[in-house]
Amino acid sequence: MVGSTHEALHRIFQKDPALLTRALQGVLQVPFPDPYDFAAMNVDLTEVEPVERRVDTLLRAETGQGAYLLVVESQGEPDERKRGSWPYYLSFLYEKYRCEPVLIVVTQNRATARWAAQPIHLGVRGCPSLTVRPFVLGPDNVPVIADEGAAGRDVPLAVLSAMTHGRGRQAPAILESLAAALRTIDRDTAAVFVQFVDSCLADPRARQMWRDLMTTMQYFWRHPLAEQVREEGREEGIGLGVAKERAATVIRLLRLRGVPVSDSVRERVETCSDLDVLALWVERALHAERAEDLFER
């Protein structure tokens, strides 16, 4: 089970290595050749104890132009120690495998993205012996995917979009689009993507909205994360029954989307015991412009 933003931001590329190629080519405009094969590699770069160095994710990409080593680092905040360790990683990998190493840094934070994108120069000022230029994926270049069609065309990229941008006013559209797109792929893969997104949503309102959306998708309840969600529901007094839980989901979705909920609407939803009707109202709550739209025939 993925338990942190740091882990999710690099493990998504382990789940779908081709996403990394598309990000390099389409987001960062790097002329990276199309791989025909990927292989996960040992992330341990330790040479001599007690110095221990590990990268977050390391993939070997086989292309028509030779093999590349894709080094993915998840970065939550600036860390000046990385200005020394990143050049070490690349030099060590090249010496060991004789493959071209490529460093990609993934972050949710704009300030961290700007810091990470700064070239690292080692040697004489103005005439360095070694220069490292990290490629950075962050809020300024990862696309905002808030359309169901776009999300469906590239689900892994839509997941990365939600992990990067899932906060503020744009969160509802991003998460709704992704939720719809997840229905189009196999359930086991979707369940992993659900975890990644949940781990990266720091905004409590966005995270609650995401979990409410996921309660309507049956595969979610087979996932280990479901037990945590159910437990939180029990602690909050929400999980007193399927009907009450669905009713609470309807109300929360409307409010998170900024749709006013009158006392009469809330009472009608909360007193409904028909599970099929409540399931329909959950679906309508994703798009309703007025709370009363729930009840239209």
Protein backbone atom coordinates (compact mmCIF):
# COMPACT_ATOMS: atom_id res chain seq x y z
CA MET A 1 0.00 0.00 0.00
CA VAL A 2 1.36 3.42 -0.95
CA GLY A 3 1.53 5.55 2.17
CA SER A 4 3.08 8.87 1.15
CA THR A 5 3.16 11.52 -1.53
CA HIS A 6 6.89 10.95 -1.99
CA GLU A 7 6.38 7.28 -2.77
CA ALA A 8 3.40 7.77 -5.06
CA LEU A 9 5.07 10.43 -7.19
CA HIS A 10 7.78 8.07 -8.36
CA ARG A 11 6.02 4.69 -8.15
CA ILE A 12 3.49 5.71 -10.78
CA PHE A 13 6.36 5.41 -13.28
CA GLN A 14 7.09 1.89 -12.05
CA LYS A 15 3.45 1.04 -12.70
CA ASP A 16 3.50 2.57 -16.19
CA PRO A 17 7.06 3.21 -17.45
CA ALA A 18 5.73 4.39 -20.82
CA LEU A 19 4.21 7.38 -19.01
CA LEU A 20 7.74 8.56 -18.29
CA THR A 21 8.58 8.51 -21.99
CA ARG A 22 5.42 10.44 -22.84
CA ALA A 23 6.22 12.98 -20.13
CA LEU A 24 9.74 13.49 -21.48
CA GLN A 25 8.55 13.82 -25.06
CA GLY A 26 5.23 15.61 -24.65
CA VAL A 27 5.61 17.65 -21.45
CA LEU A 28 9.33 18.44 -21.37
CA GLN A 29 9.85 18.41 -25.17
CA VAL A 30 12.91 16.17 -24.85
CA PRO A 31 13.70 14.25 -28.09
CA PHE A 32 13.82 10.94 -26.24
CA PRO A 33 13.62 7.88 -28.52
CA ASP A 34 10.64 5.51 -28.20
CA PRO A 35 11.59 2.51 -26.02
CA TYR A 36 10.58 -0.96 -27.12
CA ASP A 37 11.21 -2.46 -23.68
CA PHE A 38 11.54 -1.42 -20.03
CA ALA A 39 13.12 -3.16 -17.06
CA ALA A 40 13.03 -2.16 -13.40
CA MET A 41 16.48 -2.02 -11.81
CA ASN A 42 17.95 -2.12 -8.33
CA VAL A 43 17.71 1.37 -6.85
CA ASP A 44 20.62 0.78 -4.43
CA LEU A 45 23.69 2.75 -5.55
CA THR A 46 25.76 1.97 -2.46
CA GLU A 47 29.44 1.43 -3.27
CA VAL A 48 31.33 1.07 -0.01
CA GLU A 49 29.77 0.96 3.44
CA PRO A 50 28.85 2.95 5.42
CA VAL A 51 27.91 5.41 2.62
CA GLU A 52 24.46 4.44 1.39
CA ARG A 53 22.79 6.07 -1.61
CA ARG A 54 19.48 5.12 -3.18
CA VAL A 55 17.45 6.59 -5.99
CA ASP A 56 13.65 6.51 -5.80
CA THR A 57 12.94 4.70 -9.08
CA LEU A 58 15.39 3.35 -11.67
CA LEU A 59 14.26 2.00 -15.04
CA ARG A 60 16.23 0.73 -18.01
CA ALA A 61 14.68 1.74 -21.34
CA GLU A 62 15.75 -0.09 -24.48
CA THR A 63 15.46 2.05 -27.61
CA GLY A 64 16.59 1.97 -31.21
CA GLN A 65 19.31 4.41 -30.19
CA GLY A 66 20.60 2.28 -27.35
CA ALA A 67 19.76 1.77 -23.68
CA TYR A 68 18.96 4.61 -21.26
CA LEU A 69 18.76 4.58 -17.48
CA LEU A 70 15.81 6.65 -16.26
CA VAL A 71 16.42 7.96 -12.74
CA VAL A 72 13.23 9.30 -11.11
CA GLU A 73 13.51 11.36 -7.93
CA SER A 74 10.44 12.50 -5.96
CA GLN A 75 11.18 15.82 -4.27
CA GLY A 76 8.93 17.46 -1.68
CA GLU A 77 11.13 20.48 -0.93
CA PRO A 78 14.59 21.84 -1.80
CA ASP A 79 17.44 19.81 -0.37
CA GLU A 80 20.91 21.14 -1.07
CA ARG A 81 22.43 17.71 -0.43
CA LYS A 82 20.88 16.59 -3.72
CA ARG A 83 23.14 19.05 -5.54
CA GLY A 84 25.93 16.63 -4.68
CA SER A 85 24.10 13.28 -4.76
CA TRP A 86 22.42 13.72 -8.15
CA PRO A 87 25.72 14.13 -10.06
CA TYR A 88 27.01 11.12 -8.11
CA TYR A 89 24.00 9.02 -9.13
CA LEU A 90 24.47 9.77 -12.82
CA SER A 91 28.23 9.25 -12.82
CA PHE A 92 27.97 6.01 -10.83
CA LEU A 93 25.27 4.59 -13.11
CA TYR A 94 27.14 5.48 -16.27
CA GLU A 95 30.35 3.92 -14.97
CA LYS A 96 28.58 0.75 -13.81
CA TYR A 97 26.23 0.13 -16.74
CA ARG A 98 27.75 2.18 -19.58
CA CYS A 99 24.27 3.48 -20.42
CA GLU A 100 23.20 7.09 -20.75
CA PRO A 101 21.54 8.16 -17.45
CA VAL A 102 18.60 10.61 -17.49
CA LEU A 103 17.53 12.39 -14.28
CA ILE A 104 13.83 13.28 -13.89
CA VAL A 105 12.63 15.10 -10.76
CA VAL A 106 8.89 15.01 -9.89
CA THR A 107 7.33 17.49 -7.47
CA GLN A 108 3.99 19.05 -6.51
CA ASN A 109 5.59 22.32 -5.43
CA ARG A 110 6.40 25.21 -7.79
CA ALA A 111 9.26 26.56 -5.67
CA THR A 112 10.79 23.11 -5.47
CA ALA A 113 10.42 22.70 -9.23
CA ARG A 114 12.29 25.96 -9.86
CA TRP A 115 15.03 24.91 -7.46
CA ALA A 116 15.38 21.44 -8.95
CA ALA A 117 15.57 22.76 -12.52
CA GLN A 118 18.68 24.83 -11.80
CA PRO A 119 21.76 23.32 -13.49
CA ILE A 120 24.36 21.87 -11.14
CA HIS A 121 27.86 23.05 -12.07
CA LEU A 122 30.91 21.38 -10.51
CA GLY A 123 34.36 22.82 -11.09
CA VAL A 124 35.70 26.24 -12.08
CA ARG A 125 33.09 29.01 -12.22
CA GLY A 126 32.15 29.72 -15.80
CA CYS A 127 34.04 26.65 -16.98
CA PRO A 128 32.69 23.64 -15.02
CA SER A 129 34.12 20.16 -15.32
CA LEU A 130 30.67 18.65 -14.88
CA THR A 131 27.18 20.05 -15.44
CA VAL A 132 23.96 18.24 -14.54
CA ARG A 133 20.64 19.53 -15.91
CA PRO A 134 17.69 17.74 -14.26
CA PHE A 135 14.41 17.41 -16.13
CA VAL A 136 11.58 18.50 -13.83
CA LEU A 137 7.90 17.51 -13.88
CA GLY A 138 5.81 19.83 -11.72
CA PRO A 139 2.80 22.15 -11.54
CA ASP A 140 4.10 24.47 -14.27
CA ASN A 141 4.39 21.84 -16.99
CA VAL A 142 2.32 18.76 -16.09
CA PRO A 143 -0.96 19.36 -17.96
CA VAL A 144 -4.18 20.01 -16.05
CA ILE A 145 -6.54 17.28 -17.28
CA ALA A 146 -10.06 18.28 -16.32
CA ASP A 147 -11.94 16.75 -19.26
CA GLU A 148 -13.29 13.21 -19.32
CA GLY A 149 -12.28 12.67 -22.94
CA ALA A 150 -8.69 13.77 -22.35
CA ALA A 151 -8.47 11.69 -19.17
CA GLY A 152 -9.75 8.62 -21.00
CA ARG A 153 -7.19 8.99 -23.79
CA ASP A 154 -4.25 8.80 -21.37
CA VAL A 155 -5.31 7.55 -17.95
CA PRO A 156 -1.79 7.40 -16.41
CA LEU A 157 -1.15 11.02 -17.43
CA ALA A 158 -4.53 11.97 -15.92
CA VAL A 159 -3.42 10.25 -12.70
CA LEU A 160 -0.19 12.27 -12.71
CA SER A 161 -2.26 15.41 -13.31
CA ALA A 162 -4.44 14.67 -10.28
CA MET A 163 -1.38 13.91 -8.15
CA THR A 164 0.21 17.21 -9.18
CA HIS A 165 -2.77 19.57 -9.35
CA GLY A 166 -5.39 17.98 -7.07
CA ARG A 167 -6.05 21.02 -4.95
CA GLY A 168 -7.95 24.32 -5.08
CA ARG A 169 -10.74 25.25 -7.48
CA GLN A 170 -9.62 22.92 -10.25
CA ALA A 171 -9.63 19.81 -8.05
CA PRO A 172 -13.30 18.82 -8.57
CA ALA A 173 -13.06 18.82 -12.39
CA ILE A 174 -9.73 16.97 -12.35
CA LEU A 175 -10.89 14.30 -9.92
CA GLU A 176 -14.29 13.84 -11.58
CA SER A 177 -12.65 13.39 -14.99
CA LEU A 178 -10.19 10.87 -13.62
CA ALA A 179 -12.89 8.95 -11.78
CA ALA A 180 -14.77 8.52 -15.06
CA ALA A 181 -11.60 7.48 -16.89
CA LEU A 182 -10.72 4.83 -14.27
CA ARG A 183 -13.90 2.99 -15.21
CA THR A 184 -12.43 2.32 -18.66
CA ILE A 185 -9.36 0.36 -17.50
CA ASP A 186 -8.87 -2.92 -15.65
CA ARG A 187 -9.82 -2.83 -11.99
CA ASP A 188 -6.50 -3.93 -10.54
CA THR A 189 -4.61 -1.15 -12.31
CA ALA A 190 -7.30 1.35 -11.37
CA ALA A 191 -7.05 0.32 -7.71
CA VAL A 192 -3.33 1.08 -7.70
CA PHE A 193 -3.92 4.47 -9.33
CA VAL A 194 -6.57 5.23 -6.68
CA GLN A 195 -3.88 4.73 -4.02
CA PHE A 196 -1.40 7.00 -5.78
CA VAL A 197 -3.89 9.85 -6.01
CA ASP A 198 -5.12 9.41 -2.43
CA SER A 199 -1.55 9.59 -1.13
CA CYS A 200 -0.90 12.88 -2.95
CA LEU A 201 -4.03 14.85 -2.00
CA ALA A 202 -2.88 17.10 0.83
CA ASP A 203 -6.05 19.20 0.75
CA PRO A 204 -8.53 17.48 3.15
CA ARG A 205 -11.53 18.62 1.08
CA ALA A 206 -10.05 17.26 -2.14
CA ARG A 207 -9.11 13.98 -0.46
CA GLN A 208 -12.62 13.58 0.96
CA MET A 209 -14.10 14.30 -2.45
CA TRP A 210 -11.83 11.69 -4.02
CA ARG A 211 -12.83 9.09 -1.45
CA ASP A 212 -16.48 9.91 -1.94
CA LEU A 213 -16.07 9.46 -5.68
CA MET A 214 -14.34 6.15 -5.13
CA THR A 215 -17.13 4.76 -2.95
CA THR A 216 -19.26 4.56 -6.10
CA MET A 217 -16.71 2.28 -7.79
CA GLN A 218 -17.03 -1.25 -6.47
CA TYR A 219 -13.43 -2.33 -7.07
CA PHE A 220 -12.28 0.31 -4.60
CA TRP A 221 -13.71 -1.64 -1.70
CA ARG A 222 -11.47 -4.61 -2.53
CA HIS A 223 -8.41 -2.45 -2.02
CA PRO A 224 -6.49 -2.18 1.32
CA LEU A 225 -7.10 1.58 1.31
CA ALA A 226 -10.81 0.88 1.64
CA GLU A 227 -10.43 -0.37 5.19
CA GLN A 228 -8.82 2.92 6.19
CA VAL A 229 -11.65 4.87 4.56
CA ARG A 230 -14.28 2.69 6.21
CA GLU A 231 -12.59 3.08 9.58
CA GLU A 232 -12.53 6.86 9.22
CA GLY A 233 -16.18 6.73 8.27
CA ARG A 234 -17.01 4.76 11.40
CA GLU A 235 -15.07 7.21 13.56
CA GLU A 236 -16.96 10.14 12.06
CA GLY A 237 -20.30 8.42 12.48
CA ILE A 238 -20.77 8.17 8.72
CA GLY A 239 -20.55 4.43 8.26
CA LEU A 240 -23.79 3.57 10.08
CA GLY A 241 -25.20 1.81 7.04
CA VAL A 242 -24.91 1.77 3.27
CA ALA A 243 -27.86 4.10 2.78
CA LYS A 244 -26.62 6.69 5.25
CA GLU A 245 -23.12 6.48 3.79
CA ARG A 246 -24.39 7.07 0.26
CA ALA A 247 -26.58 9.92 1.42
CA ALA A 248 -23.60 11.56 3.09
CA THR A 249 -21.62 11.11 -0.13
CA VAL A 250 -24.30 12.90 -2.15
CA ILE A 251 -24.31 15.89 0.19
CA ARG A 252 -20.51 16.11 0.40
CA LEU A 253 -20.07 15.94 -3.37
CA LEU A 254 -22.52 18.78 -3.90
CA ARG A 255 -20.91 20.96 -1.26
CA LEU A 256 -17.37 20.25 -2.44
CA ARG A 257 -18.41 21.33 -5.93
CA GLY A 258 -19.83 24.54 -4.53
CA VAL A 259 -23.48 23.63 -5.13
CA PRO A 260 -25.77 25.07 -2.39
CA VAL A 261 -27.78 22.43 -0.52
CA SER A 262 -31.05 23.56 1.02
CA ASP A 263 -32.49 22.01 4.16
CA SER A 264 -35.30 20.41 2.12
CA VAL A 265 -32.83 18.75 -0.28
CA ARG A 266 -30.63 17.56 2.55
CA GLU A 267 -33.62 16.10 4.41
CA ARG A 268 -34.90 14.29 1.30
CA VAL A 269 -31.48 12.76 0.64
CA GLU A 270 -30.79 11.77 4.23
CA THR A 271 -34.19 10.11 4.71
CA CYS A 272 -33.97 8.06 1.50
CA SER A 273 -33.41 4.33 2.07
CA ASP A 274 -33.54 3.14 -1.56
CA LEU A 275 -29.97 2.16 -2.44
CA ASP A 276 -30.57 2.30 -6.19
CA VAL A 277 -32.00 5.81 -5.95
CA LEU A 278 -29.09 6.95 -3.78
CA ALA A 279 -26.60 5.47 -6.25
CA LEU A 280 -28.30 7.47 -9.02
CA TRP A 281 -28.11 10.63 -6.93
CA VAL A 282 -24.38 10.07 -6.33
CA GLU A 283 -23.84 9.96 -10.09
CA ARG A 284 -25.96 13.08 -10.62
CA ALA A 285 -24.14 14.92 -7.82
CA LEU A 286 -20.99 14.82 -9.97
CA HIS A 287 -22.56 17.10 -12.59
CA ALA A 288 -25.62 18.79 -11.06
CA GLU A 289 -25.68 22.59 -11.37
CA ARG A 290 -28.43 22.82 -8.72
CA ALA A 291 -29.07 20.45 -5.84
CA GLU A 292 -32.63 20.03 -7.10
CA ASP A 293 -31.24 18.46 -10.29
CA LEU A 294 -30.75 15.28 -8.29
CA PHE A 295 -34.45 14.58 -8.40
CA GLU A 296 -35.23 15.31 -12.06
CA ARG A 297 -36.83 12.44 -13.94
